[in-house]
Amino acid sequence: MTLKNLSRDILRVMGVFAVAAICAPAVAPTFAPVFAKEPASAGVADSATNLATDSATDSATDSATLATNTATVLTSVSPKNLNEGVRLKVLSYNIHGLPSPLRSKTTPLFERIAEILRTRRQEGSQPEVVLLQEAFDGDARVIADTTGYRYVLKGPGRKDNSEKGRAHWVPQSRKTYASFSDPQKFIGSGLYILSDYPIVKAQHKVFDSDMCAGYDCLSNKAILMASIEVPGVSVPVDIINSHFNSQRSAKAPSKHVFRAHQRQTDTLSWFMKKLCGSSPAIVAGDFNTKQRERYDYFRATLPLIDAAEDCLGTEGVCRLDESTPKGQVLYNTNDKHFFQASGGYLIKPVYMVRNFNEELDGRELSDHLGYEVEYRITPQLVKPARAAEPAQAQGQSSWASR
C-alpha cells in the first residue's frame, strides 16, 4: 500500500512540496531511460532513443501518451530441447522505499535486499527479471546498481506527463488536485525493471491526473513495460510492472478510490491492447486488488490468467513453496502475477514463493514480501490436420478446422 502510516511531520513537509510543485513551470516530458551495465555493443544503446506517440482517443484514456525507448536487438540462442521449454524467474517486490521523511533509515534495508540478490546470483539461483515498486528513495538505486543486472529500466519520474483530467476527489477544505492547470507530482513512479537479458524495447504510460485518489496522487504512478529477449524464445517476452491506487492508505472517500482504481485498470487494458498480443506477457506488481470488487473488475476487464490460480489448479505441474501459505499468492495479497500466452508460445508457472521475509535489526525489509514466480515458456505446437474418415459426412469440418 502507498504512503502508509503518514505522520504529522509528513503533512507539514507536504505543504512545502505542494508550493514547489504547483508553482513549477510546465516541463517537457522526459522518458524512461534504459541503462546498460556494459558498453553499447553489449546490446543496449548508451542513450536510448525517446519517442512520444499520441494515442487515439479512447473511453479508458483521454489524450493518452505513450513513452517509447528503443534499443539494439540481439540474436536469441536456441535451447537444446524446445519441448522442455525455457525457464524464467520473475520477482516482483514492493520495497517500501518512501523518501525521507516519509520513512527513515532505509538504506541498510535496501543494502540487505541487494545482498540477498547478490548471494543468489553467486549461487546461480537469482531471478532473471526483477520488478520493483515504491523505489522512490534515491538510495534504493543500490538494488539496481550492485546486484549484477546488466539491463536496468527506470520508470517515469516526477515531471513526466500527467494529463489534466476531471476531478477525482473534491474535499471541501482544499482545491482539487486535478484543477491545477499543470498538475505535477511530488515523487516519481517508483518503478524499476532489472533484467539479465537484453531489453529490446521499453514503453510506459503515466496515469492521468483523474486516475488517482487521495495521497496516491502524490506519486506519478504508471505502467512500465520492457520487451525482453529471453534466450531460446524467438519473440521478445513482454514484462509489465505497475503499482495501482491503494485503498485505506489513500485517505479518500471509498467511491472515489474505487473509481480511480477502475480507471487505472481500464488504462492497463488499453495499453495491452495497443502494445501486446504478438508476444507472451507477464504482468506483475502491486495492484492493490485484495479488495474483492477491485479484483473482480480487474479480472473482468483484462484477459489475463492469475498465476496463483493456475499454479494451485495444476497439481504436479506447478509447486507452491512449502513456506508460502496459499492466501499469500491468491486473494489475501495486493501483490499479484498474471500472464498471457501469445506469439506462438505457451507460458505456465511451475514454481512460486513469497520471499524476503527476514528482519534486519528487528525491522522488516519492507511492509510487503517478495513474490517470485518461475515460468516455463514453450512453443505452441500445432497438431496436423487428420485425413477425413470414410464415414465422415461430406462438408463436415475436420478436427483441425473446428
Protein backbone atom coordinates (compact mmCIF):
# COMPACT_ATOMS: atom_id res chain seq x y z
CA MET A 1 0.00 0.00 0.00
CA THR A 2 1.21 3.50 -0.86
CA LEU A 3 2.34 6.20 1.63
CA LYS A 4 1.26 4.09 4.56
CA ASN A 5 1.00 5.42 8.12
CA LEU A 6 1.61 9.08 7.27
CA SER A 7 2.76 11.13 10.23
CA ARG A 8 2.13 14.76 11.14
CA ASP A 9 5.68 15.54 10.04
CA ILE A 10 4.76 14.39 6.56
CA LEU A 11 1.77 16.67 6.39
CA ARG A 12 3.98 19.65 7.33
CA VAL A 13 6.54 18.97 4.61
CA MET A 14 3.82 18.28 2.06
CA GLY A 15 2.93 21.96 2.16
CA VAL A 16 6.46 22.83 1.05
CA PHE A 17 6.39 20.23 -1.72
CA ALA A 18 2.97 21.39 -2.87
CA VAL A 19 4.07 25.01 -3.30
CA ALA A 20 7.14 23.93 -5.26
CA ALA A 21 5.17 21.57 -7.48
CA ILE A 22 2.22 23.87 -8.17
CA CYS A 23 4.42 26.86 -8.97
CA ALA A 24 6.81 24.91 -11.18
CA PRO A 25 6.73 25.85 -14.88
CA ALA A 26 5.47 23.39 -17.43
CA VAL A 27 8.22 20.91 -18.22
CA ALA A 28 8.69 18.93 -21.40
CA PRO A 29 8.17 15.21 -20.70
CA THR A 30 11.19 13.05 -20.03
CA PHE A 31 11.03 9.35 -20.72
CA ALA A 32 12.27 6.23 -19.00
CA PRO A 33 15.89 5.52 -19.96
CA VAL A 34 17.39 2.10 -20.49
CA PHE A 35 20.71 1.82 -18.66
CA ALA A 36 23.23 -0.80 -19.77
CA LYS A 37 25.91 -2.02 -17.38
CA GLU A 38 28.05 -2.91 -20.42
CA PRO A 39 29.12 -0.82 -23.46
CA ALA A 40 26.53 -0.22 -26.17
CA SER A 41 27.92 -3.13 -28.16
CA ALA A 42 26.61 -5.46 -25.46
CA GLY A 43 23.10 -4.97 -26.75
CA VAL A 44 21.61 -1.71 -25.45
CA ALA A 45 22.45 1.76 -26.69
CA ASP A 46 24.11 4.15 -24.23
CA SER A 47 21.31 6.65 -24.81
CA ALA A 48 18.06 5.05 -25.87
CA THR A 49 16.01 6.88 -28.47
CA ASN A 50 12.97 8.60 -26.97
CA LEU A 51 9.73 8.76 -28.92
CA ALA A 52 6.41 10.29 -27.81
CA THR A 53 3.26 8.99 -29.51
CA ASP A 54 -0.23 10.37 -29.01
CA SER A 55 -2.77 7.57 -28.99
CA ALA A 56 -6.24 7.67 -30.46
CA THR A 57 -8.86 8.89 -28.02
CA ASP A 58 -10.25 6.02 -26.00
CA SER A 59 -13.01 5.76 -23.42
CA ALA A 60 -10.46 4.48 -20.93
CA THR A 61 -7.78 7.08 -21.74
CA ASP A 62 -8.30 10.63 -23.00
CA SER A 63 -5.32 12.15 -24.82
CA ALA A 64 -3.15 9.30 -23.56
CA THR A 65 0.60 9.50 -24.08
CA LEU A 66 2.94 6.56 -24.57
CA ALA A 67 6.64 6.91 -23.99
CA THR A 68 8.90 4.65 -26.02
CA ASN A 69 12.56 3.71 -25.75
CA THR A 70 14.27 1.61 -28.38
CA ALA A 71 17.46 -0.42 -28.18
CA THR A 72 19.56 -2.74 -30.30
CA VAL A 73 18.18 -6.27 -30.75
CA LEU A 74 20.39 -9.28 -30.11
CA THR A 75 20.05 -12.71 -31.68
CA SER A 76 18.41 -15.36 -29.48
CA VAL A 77 20.13 -18.60 -28.53
CA SER A 78 18.06 -21.73 -29.04
CA PRO A 79 17.67 -24.19 -26.14
CA LYS A 80 18.86 -27.77 -26.51
CA ASN A 81 15.34 -29.15 -26.36
CA LEU A 82 12.42 -26.89 -27.21
CA ASN A 83 9.94 -29.38 -25.76
CA GLU A 84 11.44 -28.81 -22.30
CA GLY A 85 10.80 -25.10 -22.64
CA VAL A 86 12.67 -22.12 -21.30
CA ARG A 87 12.59 -21.24 -17.61
CA LEU A 88 12.28 -17.61 -16.50
CA LYS A 89 12.19 -16.49 -12.86
CA VAL A 90 10.44 -13.16 -12.24
CA LEU A 91 10.50 -11.42 -8.85
CA SER A 92 8.02 -8.64 -8.06
CA TYR A 93 8.80 -6.70 -4.88
CA ASN A 94 7.33 -3.56 -3.33
CA ILE A 95 10.34 -2.43 -1.30
CA HIS A 96 8.50 0.32 0.66
CA GLY A 97 11.15 2.82 -0.39
CA LEU A 98 9.35 6.00 0.58
CA PRO A 99 11.53 9.14 0.61
CA SER A 100 12.51 10.88 3.83
CA PRO A 101 10.72 11.98 5.98
CA LEU A 102 8.01 9.51 4.97
CA ARG A 103 10.32 6.68 6.01
CA SER A 104 13.78 6.98 7.52
CA LYS A 105 16.91 4.83 7.88
CA THR A 106 16.02 2.66 4.90
CA THR A 107 19.48 2.46 3.32
CA PRO A 108 20.57 -0.60 5.38
CA LEU A 109 17.33 -2.34 4.35
CA PHE A 110 17.97 -1.68 0.65
CA GLU A 111 21.56 -2.86 1.05
CA ARG A 112 20.36 -6.10 2.63
CA ILE A 113 17.90 -6.69 -0.24
CA ALA A 114 20.77 -6.14 -2.68
CA GLU A 115 22.99 -8.50 -0.69
CA ILE A 116 20.38 -11.28 -0.87
CA LEU A 117 20.15 -10.89 -4.64
CA ARG A 118 23.96 -10.91 -4.98
CA THR A 119 24.20 -14.08 -2.91
CA ARG A 120 21.60 -15.78 -5.06
CA ARG A 121 23.48 -14.72 -8.18
CA GLN A 122 26.63 -16.32 -6.80
CA GLU A 123 24.59 -19.50 -6.22
CA GLY A 124 23.12 -19.31 -9.73
CA SER A 125 19.54 -19.08 -8.41
CA GLN A 126 18.83 -15.37 -8.98
CA PRO A 127 15.59 -14.25 -10.66
CA GLU A 128 16.45 -13.26 -14.21
CA VAL A 129 13.96 -10.38 -14.04
CA VAL A 130 13.16 -8.17 -11.02
CA LEU A 131 10.26 -5.72 -10.82
CA LEU A 132 10.44 -3.11 -8.06
CA GLN A 133 7.67 -0.88 -6.78
CA GLU A 134 7.91 2.05 -4.34
CA ALA A 135 11.60 2.55 -5.15
CA PHE A 136 11.11 6.29 -4.58
CA ASP A 137 14.14 6.90 -2.37
CA GLY A 138 17.36 7.54 -4.31
CA ASP A 139 19.22 5.13 -2.03
CA ALA A 140 17.05 2.31 -3.41
CA ARG A 141 19.18 2.56 -6.52
CA VAL A 142 21.73 0.33 -4.75
CA ILE A 143 19.48 -2.62 -5.64
CA ALA A 144 19.82 -1.83 -9.35
CA ASP A 145 23.50 -0.87 -9.21
CA THR A 146 25.08 -3.67 -7.19
CA THR A 147 23.16 -6.86 -7.98
CA GLY A 148 24.68 -7.70 -11.36
CA TYR A 149 21.73 -6.96 -13.63
CA ARG A 150 23.10 -5.75 -16.96
CA TYR A 151 19.90 -4.04 -18.06
CA VAL A 152 18.03 -1.56 -15.88
CA LEU A 153 14.86 0.30 -16.84
CA LYS A 154 13.65 3.10 -14.58
CA GLY A 155 10.03 4.19 -14.63
CA PRO A 156 8.67 7.73 -15.14
CA GLY A 157 9.91 10.46 -12.83
CA ARG A 158 8.01 13.20 -11.03
CA LYS A 159 7.82 15.54 -14.01
CA ASP A 160 6.80 13.10 -16.71
CA ASN A 161 3.47 13.90 -18.32
CA SER A 162 0.30 13.53 -16.25
CA GLU A 163 -2.65 14.69 -18.30
CA LYS A 164 -5.11 17.04 -16.63
CA GLY A 165 -8.44 15.30 -16.13
CA ARG A 166 -11.70 15.54 -14.28
CA ALA A 167 -11.74 15.99 -10.51
CA HIS A 168 -11.20 12.69 -8.75
CA TRP A 169 -11.64 13.88 -5.18
CA VAL A 170 -13.28 17.12 -4.08
CA PRO A 171 -12.63 17.78 -0.39
CA GLN A 172 -14.45 20.88 0.84
CA SER A 173 -11.39 22.36 2.51
CA ARG A 174 -8.93 22.49 -0.37
CA LYS A 175 -8.51 22.81 -4.10
CA THR A 176 -8.83 19.62 -6.10
CA TYR A 177 -5.58 18.23 -7.40
CA ALA A 178 -6.91 17.92 -10.96
CA SER A 179 -7.99 21.55 -11.05
CA PHE A 180 -4.41 22.80 -11.34
CA SER A 181 -3.55 23.88 -14.88
CA ASP A 182 -0.31 21.87 -14.84
CA PRO A 183 -0.76 19.03 -12.35
CA GLN A 184 2.60 17.64 -11.26
CA LYS A 185 3.59 15.02 -8.77
CA PHE A 186 5.81 15.21 -5.70
CA ILE A 187 7.61 11.91 -6.37
CA GLY A 188 8.06 9.65 -9.41
CA SER A 189 6.52 6.29 -10.24
CA GLY A 190 8.91 4.27 -8.06
CA LEU A 191 9.07 1.56 -10.74
CA TYR A 192 12.13 -0.38 -11.94
CA ILE A 193 12.66 -3.38 -14.18
CA LEU A 194 16.02 -5.17 -13.82
CA SER A 195 16.97 -7.85 -16.33
CA ASP A 196 19.78 -10.29 -17.04
CA TYR A 197 18.63 -10.34 -20.66
CA PRO A 198 18.57 -7.51 -23.23
CA ILE A 199 15.69 -5.06 -23.09
CA VAL A 200 14.98 -4.52 -26.78
CA LYS A 201 12.05 -2.13 -26.35
CA ALA A 202 10.62 -0.15 -23.45
CA GLN A 203 7.39 1.84 -23.12
CA HIS A 204 5.44 3.47 -20.33
CA LYS A 205 2.11 5.16 -19.72
CA VAL A 206 1.70 7.60 -16.84
CA PHE A 207 -1.75 7.53 -15.25
CA ASP A 208 -3.65 10.76 -15.92
CA SER A 209 -4.46 13.08 -13.03
CA ASP A 210 -8.06 11.87 -12.80
CA MET A 211 -6.82 8.30 -12.37
CA CYS A 212 -5.74 8.66 -8.76
CA ALA A 213 -7.35 9.45 -5.42
CA GLY A 214 -6.13 10.88 -2.13
CA TYR A 215 -2.49 10.60 -1.07
CA ASP A 216 -1.74 8.32 -4.02
CA CYS A 217 -1.85 11.44 -6.21
CA LEU A 218 1.47 12.48 -4.68
CA SER A 219 3.30 9.87 -6.78
CA ASN A 220 3.41 9.69 -10.56
CA LYS A 221 2.05 6.18 -10.84
CA ALA A 222 2.38 4.46 -14.17
CA ILE A 223 2.60 1.32 -16.28
CA LEU A 224 6.14 0.29 -17.27
CA MET A 225 6.80 -2.34 -19.95
CA ALA A 226 10.05 -3.93 -21.09
CA SER A 227 10.21 -6.30 -24.05
CA ILE A 228 12.98 -8.71 -23.11
CA GLU A 229 14.93 -11.01 -25.39
CA VAL A 230 14.99 -14.31 -23.50
CA PRO A 231 17.49 -16.87 -24.87
CA GLY A 232 15.62 -19.70 -26.53
CA VAL A 233 12.45 -17.71 -27.24
CA SER A 234 12.21 -16.38 -30.79
CA VAL A 235 9.99 -13.42 -29.87
CA PRO A 236 10.53 -10.89 -27.06
CA VAL A 237 8.73 -11.55 -23.78
CA ASP A 238 6.71 -8.54 -22.63
CA ILE A 239 7.18 -7.77 -18.92
CA ILE A 240 4.80 -5.23 -17.37
CA ASN A 241 5.29 -3.63 -13.95
CA SER A 242 2.76 -1.34 -12.26
CA HIS A 243 1.51 0.00 -8.93
CA PHE A 244 -2.19 0.83 -8.56
CA ASN A 245 -4.08 3.16 -6.21
CA SER A 246 -4.20 1.99 -2.61
CA GLN A 247 -7.38 1.57 -0.57
CA ARG A 248 -7.21 2.71 3.07
CA SER A 249 -3.86 4.49 2.77
CA ALA A 250 -5.26 6.83 0.13
CA LYS A 251 -7.33 8.55 2.85
CA ALA A 252 -10.04 9.42 0.33
CA PRO A 253 -13.75 8.52 0.07
CA SER A 254 -14.10 4.89 -0.95
CA LYS A 255 -16.17 5.56 -4.08
CA HIS A 256 -13.51 7.89 -5.46
CA VAL A 257 -10.74 5.45 -4.59
CA PHE A 258 -12.57 2.61 -6.33
CA ARG A 259 -13.25 4.72 -9.41
CA ALA A 260 -9.57 5.70 -9.63
CA HIS A 261 -8.62 2.01 -9.46
CA GLN A 262 -11.12 1.21 -12.22
CA ARG A 263 -9.64 3.89 -14.46
CA GLN A 264 -6.15 2.53 -13.89
CA THR A 265 -7.42 -0.95 -14.78
CA ASP A 266 -9.06 0.43 -17.94
CA THR A 267 -5.79 2.12 -18.86
CA LEU A 268 -3.80 -1.10 -18.45
CA SER A 269 -6.36 -2.85 -20.66
CA TRP A 270 -6.00 -0.13 -23.31
CA PHE A 271 -2.19 -0.25 -23.00
CA MET A 272 -2.05 -4.01 -23.54
CA LYS A 273 -4.50 -3.96 -26.46
CA LYS A 274 -2.34 -1.35 -28.16
CA LEU A 275 1.09 -2.86 -27.48
CA CYS A 276 0.76 -6.55 -26.58
CA GLY A 277 -0.55 -9.58 -28.41
CA SER A 278 2.37 -10.71 -30.53
CA SER A 279 4.47 -11.98 -27.60
CA PRO A 280 3.91 -13.87 -24.35
CA ALA A 281 3.37 -11.43 -21.50
CA ILE A 282 3.94 -11.41 -17.74
CA VAL A 283 2.12 -8.71 -15.76
CA ALA A 284 3.18 -8.30 -12.14
CA GLY A 285 3.29 -5.67 -9.43
CA ASP A 286 1.35 -4.18 -6.54
CA PHE A 287 -2.16 -3.97 -7.99
CA ASN A 288 -3.93 -3.38 -4.66
CA THR A 289 -6.59 -5.92 -5.60
CA LYS A 290 -7.07 -7.57 -2.22
CA GLN A 291 -10.49 -5.93 -2.05
CA ARG A 292 -12.85 -8.29 -3.85
CA GLU A 293 -14.67 -5.76 -6.04
CA ARG A 294 -11.33 -4.45 -7.29
CA TYR A 295 -10.08 -7.94 -8.13
CA ASP A 296 -13.33 -8.86 -9.89
CA TYR A 297 -13.27 -5.72 -12.02
CA PHE A 298 -9.58 -6.27 -12.87
CA ARG A 299 -10.20 -9.87 -13.98
CA ALA A 300 -13.33 -8.96 -15.94
CA THR A 301 -11.51 -6.18 -17.78
CA LEU A 302 -8.20 -7.89 -18.60
CA PRO A 303 -7.95 -11.29 -20.36
CA LEU A 304 -5.11 -12.40 -18.09
CA ILE A 305 -4.57 -15.60 -16.14
CA ASP A 306 -3.86 -15.34 -12.42
CA ALA A 307 -0.58 -17.21 -11.94
CA ALA A 308 -1.58 -18.35 -8.44
CA GLU A 309 -4.91 -19.75 -9.58
CA ASP A 310 -3.20 -21.56 -12.43
CA CYS A 311 -0.43 -22.93 -10.21
CA LEU A 312 -2.71 -24.21 -7.47
CA GLY A 313 -5.07 -25.70 -10.04
CA THR A 314 -2.40 -27.75 -11.83
CA GLU A 315 -1.09 -30.16 -9.20
CA GLY A 316 2.04 -31.92 -10.31
CA VAL A 317 2.89 -29.20 -12.83
CA CYS A 318 3.40 -26.22 -10.50
CA ARG A 319 4.70 -26.19 -6.94
CA LEU A 320 3.97 -23.63 -4.24
CA ASP A 321 6.89 -23.40 -1.83
CA GLU A 322 6.10 -25.05 1.50
CA SER A 323 6.94 -21.81 3.34
CA THR A 324 4.23 -19.88 1.49
CA PRO A 325 0.55 -20.08 2.54
CA LYS A 326 -1.93 -20.22 -0.34
CA GLY A 327 -3.58 -16.97 0.74
CA GLN A 328 -0.33 -15.07 0.22
CA VAL A 329 -0.44 -15.75 -3.50
CA LEU A 330 -4.18 -15.98 -4.09
CA TYR A 331 -6.53 -13.30 -2.77
CA ASN A 332 -5.12 -12.20 0.59
CA THR A 333 -2.48 -10.05 -1.07
CA ASN A 334 -2.19 -6.90 -3.16
CA ASP A 335 0.91 -8.25 -4.94
CA LYS A 336 0.00 -10.33 -7.97
CA HIS A 337 1.38 -12.13 -11.00
CA PHE A 338 -0.66 -12.55 -14.20
CA PHE A 339 0.28 -13.86 -17.64
CA GLN A 340 -0.98 -14.50 -21.15
CA ALA A 341 0.25 -16.74 -23.95
CA SER A 342 0.88 -15.34 -27.42
CA GLY A 343 3.38 -15.19 -30.27
CA GLY A 344 3.32 -18.94 -30.79
CA TYR A 345 4.36 -19.66 -27.20
CA LEU A 346 2.63 -21.07 -24.15
CA ILE A 347 3.57 -19.83 -20.71
CA LYS A 348 2.89 -21.57 -17.41
CA PRO A 349 4.05 -21.08 -13.80
CA VAL A 350 5.97 -24.05 -12.40
CA TYR A 351 7.07 -22.68 -9.01
CA MET A 352 6.15 -19.74 -6.77
CA VAL A 353 7.24 -18.38 -3.40
CA ARG A 354 6.84 -15.33 -1.17
CA ASN A 355 10.32 -14.37 0.00
CA PHE A 356 12.39 -11.57 1.56
CA ASN A 357 10.59 -12.22 4.83
CA GLU A 358 13.57 -11.76 7.15
CA GLU A 359 14.25 -8.87 9.54
CA LEU A 360 17.30 -6.64 9.93
CA ASP A 361 17.94 -5.38 13.46
CA GLY A 362 14.30 -6.04 14.32
CA ARG A 363 12.94 -4.24 11.24
CA GLU A 364 11.15 -5.85 8.31
CA LEU A 365 12.87 -5.28 4.98
CA SER A 366 9.56 -3.95 3.65
CA ASP A 367 5.87 -3.92 4.51
CA HIS A 368 5.48 -6.33 1.55
CA LEU A 369 7.03 -9.69 0.79
CA GLY A 370 8.72 -10.51 -2.47
CA TYR A 371 6.58 -12.53 -4.88
CA GLU A 372 8.64 -14.73 -7.17
CA VAL A 373 7.32 -16.99 -9.90
CA GLU A 374 9.28 -19.33 -12.16
CA TYR A 375 7.62 -19.60 -15.56
CA ARG A 376 8.11 -22.21 -18.28
CA ILE A 377 7.81 -20.87 -21.84
CA THR A 378 7.27 -23.48 -24.56
CA PRO A 379 6.47 -23.35 -28.28
CA GLN A 380 2.80 -23.83 -29.04
CA LEU A 381 2.72 -26.96 -31.17
CA VAL A 382 0.09 -27.11 -33.92
CA LYS A 383 -1.35 -30.56 -34.44
CA PRO A 384 -1.52 -31.64 -38.09
CA ALA A 385 -4.92 -31.99 -39.69
CA ARG A 386 -6.23 -35.55 -39.79
CA ALA A 387 -7.34 -37.12 -43.03
CA ALA A 388 -11.12 -37.30 -43.42
CA GLU A 389 -12.54 -40.69 -42.45
CA PRO A 390 -14.80 -42.51 -44.92
CA ALA A 391 -17.77 -42.30 -42.60
CA GLN A 392 -17.44 -38.54 -42.31
CA ALA A 393 -20.32 -36.70 -43.88
CA GLN A 394 -19.47 -34.53 -46.87
CA GLY A 395 -18.92 -30.91 -45.84
CA GLN A 396 -18.31 -31.76 -42.17
CA SER A 397 -15.26 -29.91 -40.81
CA SER A 398 -12.22 -31.89 -39.80
CA TRP A 399 -10.79 -31.82 -36.23
CA ALA A 400 -8.15 -29.28 -37.20
CA SER A 401 -10.62 -26.75 -38.61
CA ARG A 402 -13.08 -26.78 -35.71
